[in-house]
Amino acid sequence: MSAHTTSPPVLRGDMTMTEVLKTCPGAQRALFAAYHIGGCQSCGFSPTETLAQVCARNENLPVDQVIQLLQDSHQHDSALQITPVQFDSLRGSRPDLRVLDVRTREEHDAVHIPGSTLLT
């Protein structure tokens, strides 16, 4: 079973942060890990601010370097994920597969995968 991969997302410096996050959902985590951007109120960004503006006010980071970081991060995130169809196939071929549910008890109680183990 292989994880699905995608081509690098197309990112540009003139994209708003809303567009960046829509294109690359893990971007905020990657920006915070690499540059301490976007993780708290003091280092946050506005959804309407462009990626280039965020880079400029954060030590004038090179936009191309930040875009490469976000693309690499997105590729890594994609490699760790499988589709629902792949998951169903994996469960069918490995009935002993252990599935861990790391949501809240309320979420798990509302809906869960039969046989999954809740870890809050």
Protein backbone atom coordinates (compact mmCIF):
# COMPACT_ATOMS: atom_id res chain seq x y z
CA MET A 1 0.00 0.00 0.00
CA SER A 2 1.60 3.23 -1.04
CA ALA A 3 0.64 6.67 0.13
CA HIS A 4 -0.59 9.04 -2.52
CA THR A 5 1.67 11.81 -3.66
CA THR A 6 0.94 14.94 -5.56
CA SER A 7 2.99 17.36 -7.57
CA PRO A 8 4.24 20.39 -5.65
CA PRO A 9 1.50 22.97 -5.15
CA VAL A 10 1.78 26.16 -7.17
CA LEU A 11 2.54 29.01 -4.78
CA ARG A 12 3.39 32.63 -5.52
CA GLY A 13 4.42 35.56 -3.37
CA ASP A 14 1.35 37.56 -4.37
CA MET A 15 -1.05 34.91 -3.02
CA THR A 16 -2.94 35.85 0.13
CA MET A 17 -2.36 33.69 3.17
CA THR A 18 -5.91 32.39 2.78
CA GLU A 19 -4.98 31.15 -0.70
CA VAL A 20 -1.67 29.73 0.54
CA LEU A 21 -3.41 27.78 3.33
CA LYS A 22 -6.09 26.52 0.95
CA THR A 23 -3.44 25.34 -1.51
CA CYS A 24 -1.09 23.98 1.14
CA PRO A 25 -3.05 23.10 4.32
CA GLY A 26 0.08 22.42 6.40
CA ALA A 27 1.65 25.79 5.54
CA GLN A 28 1.02 27.41 8.91
CA ARG A 29 2.69 24.51 10.73
CA ALA A 30 5.66 24.62 8.34
CA LEU A 31 6.04 28.40 8.65
CA PHE A 32 5.95 28.21 12.42
CA ALA A 33 8.43 25.33 12.61
CA ALA A 34 10.96 26.96 10.29
CA TYR A 35 10.52 30.68 10.97
CA HIS A 36 8.24 31.08 14.01
CA ILE A 37 5.57 32.67 11.82
CA GLY A 38 1.85 32.21 12.41
CA GLY A 39 1.82 30.21 15.61
CA CYS A 40 0.66 32.86 18.05
CA GLN A 41 -0.81 36.35 18.19
CA SER A 42 2.57 38.11 18.23
CA CYS A 43 3.86 36.29 15.14
CA GLY A 44 0.54 35.81 13.35
CA PHE A 45 -0.51 36.99 9.93
CA SER A 46 -3.67 38.37 8.41
CA PRO A 47 -5.62 36.15 6.00
CA THR A 48 -5.52 38.98 3.43
CA GLU A 49 -1.77 39.56 3.76
CA THR A 50 0.27 38.15 0.87
CA LEU A 51 3.02 35.62 1.34
CA ALA A 52 5.51 38.23 0.10
CA GLN A 53 4.28 40.70 2.73
CA VAL A 54 4.64 38.09 5.47
CA CYS A 55 8.18 37.35 4.30
CA ALA A 56 9.07 41.05 4.12
CA ARG A 57 8.04 41.79 7.69
CA ASN A 58 9.75 38.68 9.03
CA GLU A 59 13.39 39.57 8.53
CA ASN A 60 12.86 39.95 4.78
CA LEU A 61 12.84 36.21 4.18
CA PRO A 62 13.48 35.21 0.56
CA VAL A 63 10.05 34.44 -0.90
CA ASP A 64 11.42 31.72 -3.19
CA GLN A 65 13.03 29.98 -0.19
CA VAL A 66 9.77 30.10 1.77
CA ILE A 67 7.80 28.79 -1.22
CA GLN A 68 10.25 25.89 -1.55
CA LEU A 69 9.86 25.11 2.15
CA LEU A 70 6.06 25.08 1.82
CA GLN A 71 6.17 22.90 -1.29
CA ASP A 72 8.54 20.42 0.38
CA SER A 73 6.38 20.35 3.50
CA HIS A 74 3.27 19.73 1.40
CA GLN A 75 4.99 16.86 -0.42
CA HIS A 76 6.01 15.32 2.92
CA ASP A 77 2.48 15.67 4.30
CA SER A 78 1.02 14.07 1.15
CA ALA A 79 3.40 11.12 1.40
CA LEU A 80 2.07 10.34 4.89
CA GLN A 81 -1.57 10.21 3.81
CA ILE A 82 -3.66 7.54 2.13
CA THR A 83 -7.03 7.92 0.49
CA PRO A 84 -10.21 6.46 2.02
CA VAL A 85 -10.25 3.86 -0.77
CA GLN A 86 -6.65 2.86 0.02
CA PHE A 87 -7.53 2.67 3.74
CA ASP A 88 -10.54 0.44 3.03
CA SER A 89 -8.39 -1.82 0.87
CA LEU A 90 -5.70 -1.98 3.56
CA ARG A 91 -8.25 -2.91 6.24
CA GLY A 92 -9.63 -5.60 3.94
CA SER A 93 -6.21 -7.13 3.37
CA ARG A 94 -5.07 -6.76 7.00
CA PRO A 95 -7.94 -7.53 9.39
CA ASP A 96 -5.50 -7.24 12.32
CA LEU A 97 -4.69 -3.63 11.39
CA ARG A 98 -4.85 -1.45 14.49
CA VAL A 99 -6.59 1.89 13.97
CA LEU A 100 -6.01 4.64 16.53
CA ASP A 101 -8.54 7.46 16.89
CA VAL A 102 -6.91 10.56 18.41
CA ARG A 103 -9.98 12.77 18.51
CA THR A 104 -12.01 13.73 21.58
CA ARG A 105 -14.32 11.22 23.25
CA GLU A 106 -17.33 13.23 22.05
CA GLU A 107 -16.16 13.06 18.44
CA HIS A 108 -15.42 9.34 18.76
CA ASP A 109 -18.80 8.65 20.36
CA ALA A 110 -20.59 10.60 17.62
CA VAL A 111 -18.98 8.62 14.79
CA HIS A 112 -16.02 6.28 14.60
CA ILE A 113 -14.51 3.48 12.56
CA PRO A 114 -15.65 0.14 14.00
CA GLY A 115 -12.81 -1.54 15.88
CA SER A 116 -10.80 1.65 16.27
CA THR A 117 -9.12 2.42 19.61
CA LEU A 118 -9.69 5.83 21.16
CA LEU A 119 -6.58 7.63 22.41
CA THR A 120 -7.47 11.07 23.76
